[in-house]
Every structure is written in structure tokens, then in C-alpha cells.
mmCIF file of all heavy atoms, coordinates in Angstrom:
data_MODEL
# 
_entry.id   MODEL 
# 
loop_
_atom_site.group_PDB 
_atom_site.id 
_atom_site.type_symbol 
_atom_site.label_atom_id 
_atom_site.label_alt_id 
_atom_site.label_comp_id 
_atom_site.label_asym_id 
_atom_site.label_entity_id 
_atom_site.label_seq_id 
_atom_site.pdbx_PDB_ins_code 
_atom_site.Cartn_x 
_atom_site.Cartn_y 
_atom_site.Cartn_z 
_atom_site.occupancy 
_atom_site.B_iso_or_equiv 
_atom_site.pdbx_formal_charge 
_atom_site.auth_seq_id 
_atom_site.auth_comp_id 
_atom_site.auth_asym_id 
_atom_site.auth_atom_id 
_atom_site.pdbx_PDB_model_num 
ATOM 1   N N   . ALA A 1 1  ? -2.667 13.905  19.315  1.00 0.00 ? 1  ALA A N   1 
ATOM 2   C CA  . ALA A 1 1  ? -2.813 12.961  18.285  1.00 0.00 ? 1  ALA A CA  1 
ATOM 3   C C   . ALA A 1 1  ? -3.989 13.447  17.351  1.00 0.00 ? 1  ALA A C   1 
ATOM 4   O O   . ALA A 1 1  ? -5.034 13.641  17.862  1.00 0.00 ? 1  ALA A O   1 
ATOM 5   C CB  . ALA A 1 1  ? -3.012 11.572  18.822  1.00 0.00 ? 1  ALA A CB  1 
ATOM 6   N N   . THR A 1 2  ? -3.677 13.419  15.975  1.00 0.00 ? 2  THR A N   1 
ATOM 7   C CA  . THR A 1 2  ? -4.656 13.880  15.183  1.00 0.00 ? 2  THR A CA  1 
ATOM 8   C C   . THR A 1 2  ? -4.895 12.624  13.974  1.00 0.00 ? 2  THR A C   1 
ATOM 9   O O   . THR A 1 2  ? -3.915 12.209  13.529  1.00 0.00 ? 2  THR A O   1 
ATOM 10  C CB  . THR A 1 2  ? -4.290 15.083  14.248  1.00 0.00 ? 2  THR A CB  1 
ATOM 11  O OG1 . THR A 1 2  ? -3.794 16.104  15.291  1.00 0.00 ? 2  THR A OG1 1 
ATOM 12  C CG2 . THR A 1 2  ? -5.318 15.541  13.370  1.00 0.00 ? 2  THR A CG2 1 
ATOM 13  N N   . ARG A 1 3  ? -6.109 12.342  13.878  1.00 0.00 ? 3  ARG A N   1 
ATOM 14  C CA  . ARG A 1 3  ? -6.392 11.298  12.833  1.00 0.00 ? 3  ARG A CA  1 
ATOM 15  C C   . ARG A 1 3  ? -6.237 11.932  11.406  1.00 0.00 ? 3  ARG A C   1 
ATOM 16  O O   . ARG A 1 3  ? -6.850 12.957  11.080  1.00 0.00 ? 3  ARG A O   1 
ATOM 17  C CB  . ARG A 1 3  ? -7.855 10.707  12.985  1.00 0.00 ? 3  ARG A CB  1 
ATOM 18  C CG  . ARG A 1 3  ? -7.850 10.007  14.376  1.00 0.00 ? 3  ARG A CG  1 
ATOM 19  C CD  . ARG A 1 3  ? -9.216 9.274   14.558  1.00 0.00 ? 3  ARG A CD  1 
ATOM 20  N NE  . ARG A 1 3  ? -9.227 8.543   15.836  1.00 0.00 ? 3  ARG A NE  1 
ATOM 21  C CZ  . ARG A 1 3  ? -8.798 7.386   16.044  1.00 0.00 ? 3  ARG A CZ  1 
ATOM 22  N NH1 . ARG A 1 3  ? -8.063 6.813   15.244  1.00 0.00 ? 3  ARG A NH1 1 
ATOM 23  N NH2 . ARG A 1 3  ? -8.868 6.880   17.335  1.00 0.00 ? 3  ARG A NH2 1 
ATOM 24  N N   . GLU A 1 4  ? -5.495 11.207  10.621  1.00 0.00 ? 4  GLU A N   1 
ATOM 25  C CA  . GLU A 1 4  ? -5.228 11.463  9.265   1.00 0.00 ? 4  GLU A CA  1 
ATOM 26  C C   . GLU A 1 4  ? -5.475 10.265  8.357   1.00 0.00 ? 4  GLU A C   1 
ATOM 27  O O   . GLU A 1 4  ? -5.506 9.271   8.833   1.00 0.00 ? 4  GLU A O   1 
ATOM 28  C CB  . GLU A 1 4  ? -3.821 12.108  8.974   1.00 0.00 ? 4  GLU A CB  1 
ATOM 29  C CG  . GLU A 1 4  ? -3.563 13.410  9.897   1.00 0.00 ? 4  GLU A CG  1 
ATOM 30  C CD  . GLU A 1 4  ? -4.302 14.625  9.422   1.00 0.00 ? 4  GLU A CD  1 
ATOM 31  O OE1 . GLU A 1 4  ? -4.857 14.673  8.305   1.00 0.00 ? 4  GLU A OE1 1 
ATOM 32  O OE2 . GLU A 1 4  ? -4.290 15.647  10.159  1.00 0.00 ? 4  GLU A OE2 1 
ATOM 33  N N   . HIS A 1 5  ? -5.366 10.505  7.023   1.00 0.00 ? 5  HIS A N   1 
ATOM 34  C CA  . HIS A 1 5  ? -5.552 9.463   6.157   1.00 0.00 ? 5  HIS A CA  1 
ATOM 35  C C   . HIS A 1 5  ? -4.458 9.464   5.015   1.00 0.00 ? 5  HIS A C   1 
ATOM 36  O O   . HIS A 1 5  ? -4.273 10.648  4.357   1.00 0.00 ? 5  HIS A O   1 
ATOM 37  C CB  . HIS A 1 5  ? -6.910 9.513   5.443   1.00 0.00 ? 5  HIS A CB  1 
ATOM 38  C CG  . HIS A 1 5  ? -7.945 8.980   6.371   1.00 0.00 ? 5  HIS A CG  1 
ATOM 39  N ND1 . HIS A 1 5  ? -8.644 9.759   7.139   1.00 0.00 ? 5  HIS A ND1 1 
ATOM 40  C CD2 . HIS A 1 5  ? -8.443 7.642   6.553   1.00 0.00 ? 5  HIS A CD2 1 
ATOM 41  C CE1 . HIS A 1 5  ? -9.492 9.203   7.764   1.00 0.00 ? 5  HIS A CE1 1 
ATOM 42  N NE2 . HIS A 1 5  ? -9.493 7.812   7.550   1.00 0.00 ? 5  HIS A NE2 1 
ATOM 43  N N   . PHE A 1 6  ? -3.735 8.487   4.764   1.00 0.00 ? 6  PHE A N   1 
ATOM 44  C CA  . PHE A 1 6  ? -2.891 8.282   3.620   1.00 0.00 ? 6  PHE A CA  1 
ATOM 45  C C   . PHE A 1 6  ? -3.661 7.552   2.589   1.00 0.00 ? 6  PHE A C   1 
ATOM 46  O O   . PHE A 1 6  ? -4.316 6.506   2.966   1.00 0.00 ? 6  PHE A O   1 
ATOM 47  C CB  . PHE A 1 6  ? -1.555 7.490   3.940   1.00 0.00 ? 6  PHE A CB  1 
ATOM 48  C CG  . PHE A 1 6  ? -0.649 7.329   2.717   1.00 0.00 ? 6  PHE A CG  1 
ATOM 49  C CD1 . PHE A 1 6  ? 0.142  8.294   2.369   1.00 0.00 ? 6  PHE A CD1 1 
ATOM 50  C CD2 . PHE A 1 6  ? -0.706 6.224   2.004   1.00 0.00 ? 6  PHE A CD2 1 
ATOM 51  C CE1 . PHE A 1 6  ? 0.911  8.252   1.251   1.00 0.00 ? 6  PHE A CE1 1 
ATOM 52  C CE2 . PHE A 1 6  ? 0.048  6.070   0.916   1.00 0.00 ? 6  PHE A CE2 1 
ATOM 53  C CZ  . PHE A 1 6  ? 0.865  7.022   0.500   1.00 0.00 ? 6  PHE A CZ  1 
ATOM 54  N N   . VAL A 1 7  ? -3.709 7.994   1.292   1.00 0.00 ? 7  VAL A N   1 
ATOM 55  C CA  . VAL A 1 7  ? -4.466 7.364   0.375   1.00 0.00 ? 7  VAL A CA  1 
ATOM 56  C C   . VAL A 1 7  ? -3.367 6.526   -0.651  1.00 0.00 ? 7  VAL A C   1 
ATOM 57  O O   . VAL A 1 7  ? -2.670 7.168   -1.276  1.00 0.00 ? 7  VAL A O   1 
ATOM 58  C CB  . VAL A 1 7  ? -5.188 8.346   -0.464  1.00 0.00 ? 7  VAL A CB  1 
ATOM 59  C CG1 . VAL A 1 7  ? -6.101 7.555   -1.584  1.00 0.00 ? 7  VAL A CG1 1 
ATOM 60  C CG2 . VAL A 1 7  ? -6.168 9.126   0.460   1.00 0.00 ? 7  VAL A CG2 1 
ATOM 61  N N   . PHE A 1 8  ? -3.569 5.253   -0.563  1.00 0.00 ? 8  PHE A N   1 
ATOM 62  C CA  . PHE A 1 8  ? -2.794 4.430   -1.453  1.00 0.00 ? 8  PHE A CA  1 
ATOM 63  C C   . PHE A 1 8  ? -3.367 4.503   -2.848  1.00 0.00 ? 8  PHE A C   1 
ATOM 64  O O   . PHE A 1 8  ? -4.554 4.338   -3.062  1.00 0.00 ? 8  PHE A O   1 
ATOM 65  C CB  . PHE A 1 8  ? -2.803 2.934   -1.006  1.00 0.00 ? 8  PHE A CB  1 
ATOM 66  C CG  . PHE A 1 8  ? -1.906 2.752   0.153   1.00 0.00 ? 8  PHE A CG  1 
ATOM 67  C CD1 . PHE A 1 8  ? -2.586 2.783   1.452   1.00 0.00 ? 8  PHE A CD1 1 
ATOM 68  C CD2 . PHE A 1 8  ? -0.553 2.676   0.240   1.00 0.00 ? 8  PHE A CD2 1 
ATOM 69  C CE1 . PHE A 1 8  ? -1.881 2.546   2.681   1.00 0.00 ? 8  PHE A CE1 1 
ATOM 70  C CE2 . PHE A 1 8  ? 0.122  2.508   1.445   1.00 0.00 ? 8  PHE A CE2 1 
ATOM 71  C CZ  . PHE A 1 8  ? -0.560 2.373   2.560   1.00 0.00 ? 8  PHE A CZ  1 
ATOM 72  N N   . ARG A 1 9  ? -2.509 4.725   -3.878  1.00 0.00 ? 9  ARG A N   1 
ATOM 73  C CA  . ARG A 1 9  ? -3.089 4.772   -5.223  1.00 0.00 ? 9  ARG A CA  1 
ATOM 74  C C   . ARG A 1 9  ? -2.144 3.900   -6.142  1.00 0.00 ? 9  ARG A C   1 
ATOM 75  O O   . ARG A 1 9  ? -0.976 4.116   -6.279  1.00 0.00 ? 9  ARG A O   1 
ATOM 76  C CB  . ARG A 1 9  ? -3.003 6.201   -5.807  1.00 0.00 ? 9  ARG A CB  1 
ATOM 77  C CG  . ARG A 1 9  ? -3.784 7.190   -5.074  1.00 0.00 ? 9  ARG A CG  1 
ATOM 78  C CD  . ARG A 1 9  ? -3.595 8.664   -5.337  1.00 0.00 ? 9  ARG A CD  1 
ATOM 79  N NE  . ARG A 1 9  ? -4.291 9.527   -4.587  1.00 0.00 ? 9  ARG A NE  1 
ATOM 80  C CZ  . ARG A 1 9  ? -5.553 9.962   -4.658  1.00 0.00 ? 9  ARG A CZ  1 
ATOM 81  N NH1 . ARG A 1 9  ? -6.255 9.395   -5.735  1.00 0.00 ? 9  ARG A NH1 1 
ATOM 82  N NH2 . ARG A 1 9  ? -6.176 10.732  -3.809  1.00 0.00 ? 9  ARG A NH2 1 
ATOM 83  N N   . TYR A 1 10 ? -2.811 2.908   -6.745  1.00 0.00 ? 10 TYR A N   1 
ATOM 84  C CA  . TYR A 1 10 ? -2.263 1.853   -7.514  1.00 0.00 ? 10 TYR A CA  1 
ATOM 85  C C   . TYR A 1 10 ? -3.120 1.698   -8.746  1.00 0.00 ? 10 TYR A C   1 
ATOM 86  O O   . TYR A 1 10 ? -4.307 1.934   -8.720  1.00 0.00 ? 10 TYR A O   1 
ATOM 87  C CB  . TYR A 1 10 ? -2.063 0.649   -6.750  1.00 0.00 ? 10 TYR A CB  1 
ATOM 88  C CG  . TYR A 1 10 ? -0.896 0.871   -5.730  1.00 0.00 ? 10 TYR A CG  1 
ATOM 89  C CD1 . TYR A 1 10 ? -1.160 1.277   -4.432  1.00 0.00 ? 10 TYR A CD1 1 
ATOM 90  C CD2 . TYR A 1 10 ? 0.367  0.463   -6.076  1.00 0.00 ? 10 TYR A CD2 1 
ATOM 91  C CE1 . TYR A 1 10 ? -0.123 1.434   -3.550  1.00 0.00 ? 10 TYR A CE1 1 
ATOM 92  C CE2 . TYR A 1 10 ? 1.417  0.672   -5.261  1.00 0.00 ? 10 TYR A CE2 1 
ATOM 93  C CZ  . TYR A 1 10 ? 1.166  1.140   -3.862  1.00 0.00 ? 10 TYR A CZ  1 
ATOM 94  O OH  . TYR A 1 10 ? 2.146  1.306   -3.034  1.00 0.00 ? 10 TYR A OH  1 
ATOM 95  N N   . ARG A 1 11 ? -2.499 0.989   -9.828  1.00 0.00 ? 11 ARG A N   1 
ATOM 96  C CA  . ARG A 1 11 ? -3.386 0.722   -10.981 1.00 0.00 ? 11 ARG A CA  1 
ATOM 97  C C   . ARG A 1 11 ? -4.426 -0.345  -10.626 1.00 0.00 ? 11 ARG A C   1 
ATOM 98  O O   . ARG A 1 11 ? -5.485 -0.308  -11.355 1.00 0.00 ? 11 ARG A O   1 
ATOM 99  C CB  . ARG A 1 11 ? -2.438 0.140   -12.136 1.00 0.00 ? 11 ARG A CB  1 
ATOM 100 C CG  . ARG A 1 11 ? -1.485 1.274   -12.623 1.00 0.00 ? 11 ARG A CG  1 
ATOM 101 C CD  . ARG A 1 11 ? -0.624 0.769   -13.858 1.00 0.00 ? 11 ARG A CD  1 
ATOM 102 N NE  . ARG A 1 11 ? 0.128  -0.489  -13.561 1.00 0.00 ? 11 ARG A NE  1 
ATOM 103 C CZ  . ARG A 1 11 ? 1.341  -0.474  -13.130 1.00 0.00 ? 11 ARG A CZ  1 
ATOM 104 N NH1 . ARG A 1 11 ? 2.083  0.643   -12.994 1.00 0.00 ? 11 ARG A NH1 1 
ATOM 105 N NH2 . ARG A 1 11 ? 2.042  -1.604  -13.005 1.00 0.00 ? 11 ARG A NH2 1 
ATOM 106 N N   . SER A 1 12 ? -4.220 -1.156  -9.731  1.00 0.00 ? 12 SER A N   1 
ATOM 107 C CA  . SER A 1 12 ? -5.276 -2.151  -9.262  1.00 0.00 ? 12 SER A CA  1 
ATOM 108 C C   . SER A 1 12 ? -4.798 -2.768  -8.028  1.00 0.00 ? 12 SER A C   1 
ATOM 109 O O   . SER A 1 12 ? -3.730 -2.567  -7.402  1.00 0.00 ? 12 SER A O   1 
ATOM 110 C CB  . SER A 1 12 ? -5.272 -3.290  -10.397 1.00 0.00 ? 12 SER A CB  1 
ATOM 111 O OG  . SER A 1 12 ? -3.974 -3.978  -10.467 1.00 0.00 ? 12 SER A OG  1 
ATOM 112 N N   . ALA A 1 13 ? -5.730 -3.654  -7.411  1.00 0.00 ? 13 ALA A N   1 
ATOM 113 C CA  . ALA A 1 13 ? -5.487 -4.342  -6.309  1.00 0.00 ? 13 ALA A CA  1 
ATOM 114 C C   . ALA A 1 13 ? -4.307 -5.230  -6.564  1.00 0.00 ? 13 ALA A C   1 
ATOM 115 O O   . ALA A 1 13 ? -3.271 -5.467  -5.628  1.00 0.00 ? 13 ALA A O   1 
ATOM 116 C CB  . ALA A 1 13 ? -6.604 -5.022  -5.693  1.00 0.00 ? 13 ALA A CB  1 
ATOM 117 N N   . GLN A 1 14 ? -4.121 -5.862  -7.723  1.00 0.00 ? 14 GLN A N   1 
ATOM 118 C CA  . GLN A 1 14 ? -3.040 -6.708  -7.992  1.00 0.00 ? 14 GLN A CA  1 
ATOM 119 C C   . GLN A 1 14 ? -1.617 -5.939  -8.074  1.00 0.00 ? 14 GLN A C   1 
ATOM 120 O O   . GLN A 1 14 ? -0.671 -6.466  -7.561  1.00 0.00 ? 14 GLN A O   1 
ATOM 121 C CB  . GLN A 1 14 ? -3.232 -7.349  -9.388  1.00 0.00 ? 14 GLN A CB  1 
ATOM 122 C CG  . GLN A 1 14 ? -4.341 -8.504  -9.331  1.00 0.00 ? 14 GLN A CG  1 
ATOM 123 C CD  . GLN A 1 14 ? -5.786 -7.825  -9.469  1.00 0.00 ? 14 GLN A CD  1 
ATOM 124 O OE1 . GLN A 1 14 ? -5.864 -6.584  -9.663  1.00 0.00 ? 14 GLN A OE1 1 
ATOM 125 N NE2 . GLN A 1 14 ? -6.693 -8.629  -9.158  1.00 0.00 ? 14 GLN A NE2 1 
ATOM 126 N N   . HIS A 1 15 ? -1.740 -4.756  -8.539  1.00 0.00 ? 15 HIS A N   1 
ATOM 127 C CA  . HIS A 1 15 ? -0.520 -3.948  -8.597  1.00 0.00 ? 15 HIS A CA  1 
ATOM 128 C C   . HIS A 1 15 ? -0.011 -3.468  -7.236  1.00 0.00 ? 15 HIS A C   1 
ATOM 129 O O   . HIS A 1 15 ? 1.148  -3.547  -6.923  1.00 0.00 ? 15 HIS A O   1 
ATOM 130 C CB  . HIS A 1 15 ? -0.809 -2.563  -9.424  1.00 0.00 ? 15 HIS A CB  1 
ATOM 131 C CG  . HIS A 1 15 ? 0.385  -1.709  -9.529  1.00 0.00 ? 15 HIS A CG  1 
ATOM 132 N ND1 . HIS A 1 15 ? 0.225  -0.236  -9.296  1.00 0.00 ? 15 HIS A ND1 1 
ATOM 133 C CD2 . HIS A 1 15 ? 1.691  -1.867  -9.812  1.00 0.00 ? 15 HIS A CD2 1 
ATOM 134 C CE1 . HIS A 1 15 ? 1.329  0.312   -9.414  1.00 0.00 ? 15 HIS A CE1 1 
ATOM 135 N NE2 . HIS A 1 15 ? 2.264  -0.602  -9.725  1.00 0.00 ? 15 HIS A NE2 1 
ATOM 136 N N   . TRP A 1 16 ? -1.073 -3.122  -6.335  1.00 0.00 ? 16 TRP A N   1 
ATOM 137 C CA  . TRP A 1 16 ? -0.689 -2.845  -4.856  1.00 0.00 ? 16 TRP A CA  1 
ATOM 138 C C   . TRP A 1 16 ? -0.077 -4.015  -4.197  1.00 0.00 ? 16 TRP A C   1 
ATOM 139 O O   . TRP A 1 16 ? 0.952  -4.002  -3.559  1.00 0.00 ? 16 TRP A O   1 
ATOM 140 C CB  . TRP A 1 16 ? -1.998 -2.496  -4.129  1.00 0.00 ? 16 TRP A CB  1 
ATOM 141 C CG  . TRP A 1 16 ? -1.727 -2.584  -2.682  1.00 0.00 ? 16 TRP A CG  1 
ATOM 142 C CD1 . TRP A 1 16 ? -1.393 -1.471  -1.904  1.00 0.00 ? 16 TRP A CD1 1 
ATOM 143 C CD2 . TRP A 1 16 ? -2.263 -3.606  -1.755  1.00 0.00 ? 16 TRP A CD2 1 
ATOM 144 N NE1 . TRP A 1 16 ? -1.465 -1.757  -0.538  1.00 0.00 ? 16 TRP A NE1 1 
ATOM 145 C CE2 . TRP A 1 16 ? -2.042 -3.082  -0.496  1.00 0.00 ? 16 TRP A CE2 1 
ATOM 146 C CE3 . TRP A 1 16 ? -2.756 -4.759  -1.874  1.00 0.00 ? 16 TRP A CE3 1 
ATOM 147 C CZ2 . TRP A 1 16 ? -2.146 -3.796  0.700   1.00 0.00 ? 16 TRP A CZ2 1 
ATOM 148 C CZ3 . TRP A 1 16 ? -3.044 -5.573  -0.729  1.00 0.00 ? 16 TRP A CZ3 1 
ATOM 149 C CH2 . TRP A 1 16 ? -2.718 -5.045  0.456   1.00 0.00 ? 16 TRP A CH2 1 
ATOM 150 N N   . LEU A 1 17 ? -0.700 -5.241  -4.363  1.00 0.00 ? 17 LEU A N   1 
ATOM 151 C CA  . LEU A 1 17 ? -0.183 -6.527  -3.919  1.00 0.00 ? 17 LEU A CA  1 
ATOM 152 C C   . LEU A 1 17 ? 1.265  -6.793  -4.346  1.00 0.00 ? 17 LEU A C   1 
ATOM 153 O O   . LEU A 1 17 ? 2.187  -7.112  -3.570  1.00 0.00 ? 17 LEU A O   1 
ATOM 154 C CB  . LEU A 1 17 ? -1.011 -7.692  -4.143  1.00 0.00 ? 17 LEU A CB  1 
ATOM 155 C CG  . LEU A 1 17 ? -0.558 -9.021  -3.564  1.00 0.00 ? 17 LEU A CG  1 
ATOM 156 C CD1 . LEU A 1 17 ? -0.427 -8.914  -2.004  1.00 0.00 ? 17 LEU A CD1 1 
ATOM 157 C CD2 . LEU A 1 17 ? -1.549 -10.035 -3.931  1.00 0.00 ? 17 LEU A CD2 1 
ATOM 158 N N   . ALA A 1 18 ? 1.374  -6.668  -5.688  1.00 0.00 ? 18 ALA A N   1 
ATOM 159 C CA  . ALA A 1 18 ? 2.826  -6.897  -6.268  1.00 0.00 ? 18 ALA A CA  1 
ATOM 160 C C   . ALA A 1 18 ? 3.886  -5.986  -5.536  1.00 0.00 ? 18 ALA A C   1 
ATOM 161 O O   . ALA A 1 18 ? 5.000  -6.471  -5.265  1.00 0.00 ? 18 ALA A O   1 
ATOM 162 C CB  . ALA A 1 18 ? 2.783  -6.893  -7.699  1.00 0.00 ? 18 ALA A CB  1 
ATOM 163 N N   . THR A 1 19 ? 3.579  -4.736  -5.379  1.00 0.00 ? 19 THR A N   1 
ATOM 164 C CA  . THR A 1 19 ? 4.438  -3.716  -4.869  1.00 0.00 ? 19 THR A CA  1 
ATOM 165 C C   . THR A 1 19 ? 4.649  -4.109  -3.389  1.00 0.00 ? 19 THR A C   1 
ATOM 166 O O   . THR A 1 19 ? 5.917  -4.151  -3.051  1.00 0.00 ? 19 THR A O   1 
ATOM 167 C CB  . THR A 1 19 ? 3.836  -2.347  -5.049  1.00 0.00 ? 19 THR A CB  1 
ATOM 168 O OG1 . THR A 1 19 ? 3.645  -2.003  -6.399  1.00 0.00 ? 19 THR A OG1 1 
ATOM 169 C CG2 . THR A 1 19 ? 4.811  -1.315  -4.523  1.00 0.00 ? 19 THR A CG2 1 
ATOM 170 N N   . PHE A 1 20 ? 3.728  -4.261  -2.633  1.00 0.00 ? 20 PHE A N   1 
ATOM 171 C CA  . PHE A 1 20 ? 3.863  -4.612  -1.194  1.00 0.00 ? 20 PHE A CA  1 
ATOM 172 C C   . PHE A 1 20 ? 4.516  -5.915  -1.042  1.00 0.00 ? 20 PHE A C   1 
ATOM 173 O O   . PHE A 1 20 ? 5.373  -6.077  -0.008  1.00 0.00 ? 20 PHE A O   1 
ATOM 174 C CB  . PHE A 1 20 ? 2.541  -4.520  -0.437  1.00 0.00 ? 20 PHE A CB  1 
ATOM 175 C CG  . PHE A 1 20 ? 2.049  -3.153  -0.003  1.00 0.00 ? 20 PHE A CG  1 
ATOM 176 C CD1 . PHE A 1 20 ? 2.160  -2.131  -0.702  1.00 0.00 ? 20 PHE A CD1 1 
ATOM 177 C CD2 . PHE A 1 20 ? 1.707  -2.993  1.434   1.00 0.00 ? 20 PHE A CD2 1 
ATOM 178 C CE1 . PHE A 1 20 ? 1.854  -0.784  -0.225  1.00 0.00 ? 20 PHE A CE1 1 
ATOM 179 C CE2 . PHE A 1 20 ? 1.432  -1.897  1.987   1.00 0.00 ? 20 PHE A CE2 1 
ATOM 180 C CZ  . PHE A 1 20 ? 1.565  -0.696  1.199   1.00 0.00 ? 20 PHE A CZ  1 
ATOM 181 N N   . ARG A 1 21 ? 4.328  -6.844  -1.855  1.00 0.00 ? 21 ARG A N   1 
ATOM 182 C CA  . ARG A 1 21 ? 4.854  -8.180  -1.729  1.00 0.00 ? 21 ARG A CA  1 
ATOM 183 C C   . ARG A 1 21 ? 6.328  -8.107  -1.890  1.00 0.00 ? 21 ARG A C   1 
ATOM 184 O O   . ARG A 1 21 ? 7.140  -8.860  -1.208  1.00 0.00 ? 21 ARG A O   1 
ATOM 185 C CB  . ARG A 1 21 ? 4.176  -9.140  -2.670  1.00 0.00 ? 21 ARG A CB  1 
ATOM 186 C CG  . ARG A 1 21 ? 4.666  -10.546 -2.586  1.00 0.00 ? 21 ARG A CG  1 
ATOM 187 C CD  . ARG A 1 21 ? 3.788  -11.422 -3.352  1.00 0.00 ? 21 ARG A CD  1 
ATOM 188 N NE  . ARG A 1 21 ? 4.351  -12.829 -3.230  1.00 0.00 ? 21 ARG A NE  1 
ATOM 189 C CZ  . ARG A 1 21 ? 3.702  -13.908 -3.728  1.00 0.00 ? 21 ARG A CZ  1 
ATOM 190 N NH1 . ARG A 1 21 ? 2.540  -13.771 -4.227  1.00 0.00 ? 21 ARG A NH1 1 
ATOM 191 N NH2 . ARG A 1 21 ? 4.153  -15.047 -3.436  1.00 0.00 ? 21 ARG A NH2 1 
ATOM 192 N N   . ASN A 1 22 ? 6.747  -7.165  -2.649  1.00 0.00 ? 22 ASN A N   1 
ATOM 193 C CA  . ASN A 1 22 ? 8.206  -7.040  -2.962  1.00 0.00 ? 22 ASN A CA  1 
ATOM 194 C C   . ASN A 1 22 ? 8.977  -6.077  -1.987  1.00 0.00 ? 22 ASN A C   1 
ATOM 195 O O   . ASN A 1 22 ? 10.201 -6.147  -1.871  1.00 0.00 ? 22 ASN A O   1 
ATOM 196 C CB  . ASN A 1 22 ? 8.528  -6.706  -4.494  1.00 0.00 ? 22 ASN A CB  1 
ATOM 197 C CG  . ASN A 1 22 ? 8.257  -7.832  -5.351  1.00 0.00 ? 22 ASN A CG  1 
ATOM 198 O OD1 . ASN A 1 22 ? 8.491  -8.931  -5.139  1.00 0.00 ? 22 ASN A OD1 1 
ATOM 199 N ND2 . ASN A 1 22 ? 7.399  -7.485  -6.518  1.00 0.00 ? 22 ASN A ND2 1 
ATOM 200 N N   . TYR A 1 23 ? 8.195  -5.082  -1.466  1.00 0.00 ? 23 TYR A N   1 
ATOM 201 C CA  . TYR A 1 23 ? 8.904  -3.973  -0.871  1.00 0.00 ? 23 TYR A CA  1 
ATOM 202 C C   . TYR A 1 23 ? 8.467  -3.581  0.526   1.00 0.00 ? 23 TYR A C   1 
ATOM 203 O O   . TYR A 1 23 ? 9.026  -2.816  1.258   1.00 0.00 ? 23 TYR A O   1 
ATOM 204 C CB  . TYR A 1 23 ? 8.890  -2.635  -1.577  1.00 0.00 ? 23 TYR A CB  1 
ATOM 205 C CG  . TYR A 1 23 ? 9.418  -2.868  -2.993  1.00 0.00 ? 23 TYR A CG  1 
ATOM 206 C CD1 . TYR A 1 23 ? 8.631  -2.991  -4.286  1.00 0.00 ? 23 TYR A CD1 1 
ATOM 207 C CD2 . TYR A 1 23 ? 10.778 -2.956  -3.220  1.00 0.00 ? 23 TYR A CD2 1 
ATOM 208 C CE1 . TYR A 1 23 ? 9.220  -3.069  -5.386  1.00 0.00 ? 23 TYR A CE1 1 
ATOM 209 C CE2 . TYR A 1 23 ? 11.396 -3.119  -4.449  1.00 0.00 ? 23 TYR A CE2 1 
ATOM 210 C CZ  . TYR A 1 23 ? 10.534 -3.190  -5.517  1.00 0.00 ? 23 TYR A CZ  1 
ATOM 211 O OH  . TYR A 1 23 ? 11.073 -3.300  -6.770  1.00 0.00 ? 23 TYR A OH  1 
ATOM 212 N N   . TYR A 1 24 ? 7.372  -4.177  1.066   1.00 0.00 ? 24 TYR A N   1 
ATOM 213 C CA  . TYR A 1 24 ? 6.835  -3.887  2.336   1.00 0.00 ? 24 TYR A CA  1 
ATOM 214 C C   . TYR A 1 24 ? 7.203  -4.871  3.258   1.00 0.00 ? 24 TYR A C   1 
ATOM 215 O O   . TYR A 1 24 ? 6.694  -6.103  3.127   1.00 0.00 ? 24 TYR A O   1 
ATOM 216 C CB  . TYR A 1 24 ? 5.315  -3.630  2.287   1.00 0.00 ? 24 TYR A CB  1 
ATOM 217 C CG  . TYR A 1 24 ? 4.740  -3.091  3.577   1.00 0.00 ? 24 TYR A CG  1 
ATOM 218 C CD1 . TYR A 1 24 ? 5.104  -1.882  4.068   1.00 0.00 ? 24 TYR A CD1 1 
ATOM 219 C CD2 . TYR A 1 24 ? 3.783  -3.926  4.346   1.00 0.00 ? 24 TYR A CD2 1 
ATOM 220 C CE1 . TYR A 1 24 ? 4.524  -1.409  5.251   1.00 0.00 ? 24 TYR A CE1 1 
ATOM 221 C CE2 . TYR A 1 24 ? 3.172  -3.321  5.470   1.00 0.00 ? 24 TYR A CE2 1 
ATOM 222 C CZ  . TYR A 1 24 ? 3.617  -2.236  6.005   1.00 0.00 ? 24 TYR A CZ  1 
ATOM 223 O OH  . TYR A 1 24 ? 3.149  -1.592  7.146   1.00 0.00 ? 24 TYR A OH  1 
ATOM 224 N N   . GLY A 1 25 ? 8.119  -4.622  4.294   1.00 0.00 ? 25 GLY A N   1 
ATOM 225 C CA  . GLY A 1 25 ? 8.680  -5.644  5.172   1.00 0.00 ? 25 GLY A CA  1 
ATOM 226 C C   . GLY A 1 25 ? 7.858  -6.617  5.777   1.00 0.00 ? 25 GLY A C   1 
ATOM 227 O O   . GLY A 1 25 ? 8.066  -7.809  5.559   1.00 0.00 ? 25 GLY A O   1 
ATOM 228 N N   . PRO A 1 26 ? 6.619  -6.278  6.387   1.00 0.00 ? 26 PRO A N   1 
ATOM 229 C CA  . PRO A 1 26 ? 5.859  -7.365  6.986   1.00 0.00 ? 26 PRO A CA  1 
ATOM 230 C C   . PRO A 1 26 ? 5.225  -8.288  5.973   1.00 0.00 ? 26 PRO A C   1 
ATOM 231 O O   . PRO A 1 26 ? 5.173  -9.448  6.267   1.00 0.00 ? 26 PRO A O   1 
ATOM 232 C CB  . PRO A 1 26 ? 4.784  -6.468  7.706   1.00 0.00 ? 26 PRO A CB  1 
ATOM 233 C CG  . PRO A 1 26 ? 5.243  -5.076  7.934   1.00 0.00 ? 26 PRO A CG  1 
ATOM 234 C CD  . PRO A 1 26 ? 6.368  -4.923  6.781   1.00 0.00 ? 26 PRO A CD  1 
ATOM 235 N N   . MET A 1 27 ? 4.882  -7.711  4.823   1.00 0.00 ? 27 MET A N   1 
ATOM 236 C CA  . MET A 1 27 ? 4.262  -8.652  3.787   1.00 0.00 ? 27 MET A CA  1 
ATOM 237 C C   . MET A 1 27 ? 5.410  -9.447  3.061   1.00 0.00 ? 27 MET A C   1 
ATOM 238 O O   . MET A 1 27 ? 5.196  -10.671 2.951   1.00 0.00 ? 27 MET A O   1 
ATOM 239 C CB  . MET A 1 27 ? 3.513  -7.840  2.805   1.00 0.00 ? 27 MET A CB  1 
ATOM 240 C CG  . MET A 1 27 ? 2.507  -8.675  1.927   1.00 0.00 ? 27 MET A CG  1 
ATOM 241 S SD  . MET A 1 27 ? 1.694  -7.778  0.724   1.00 0.00 ? 27 MET A SD  1 
ATOM 242 C CE  . MET A 1 27 ? 0.672  -6.757  1.609   1.00 0.00 ? 27 MET A CE  1 
# 
């Protein structure tokens, strides 16, 4: 197991939330 990082890149926190709210299953 190797620790890695995925970097989320969005126009803003609001843009991230809107995207995740519509497309990320748990949210």
C-alpha cells in the first residue's frame, strides 16, 4: 500500500459542492 494524493480542482468550493451534490453517490 502506497499513500498517494488525488487533487480535486474546481472553480470554487461552491462549484465542487454543486458537482458532488449532483454526481457523487454518498452526497
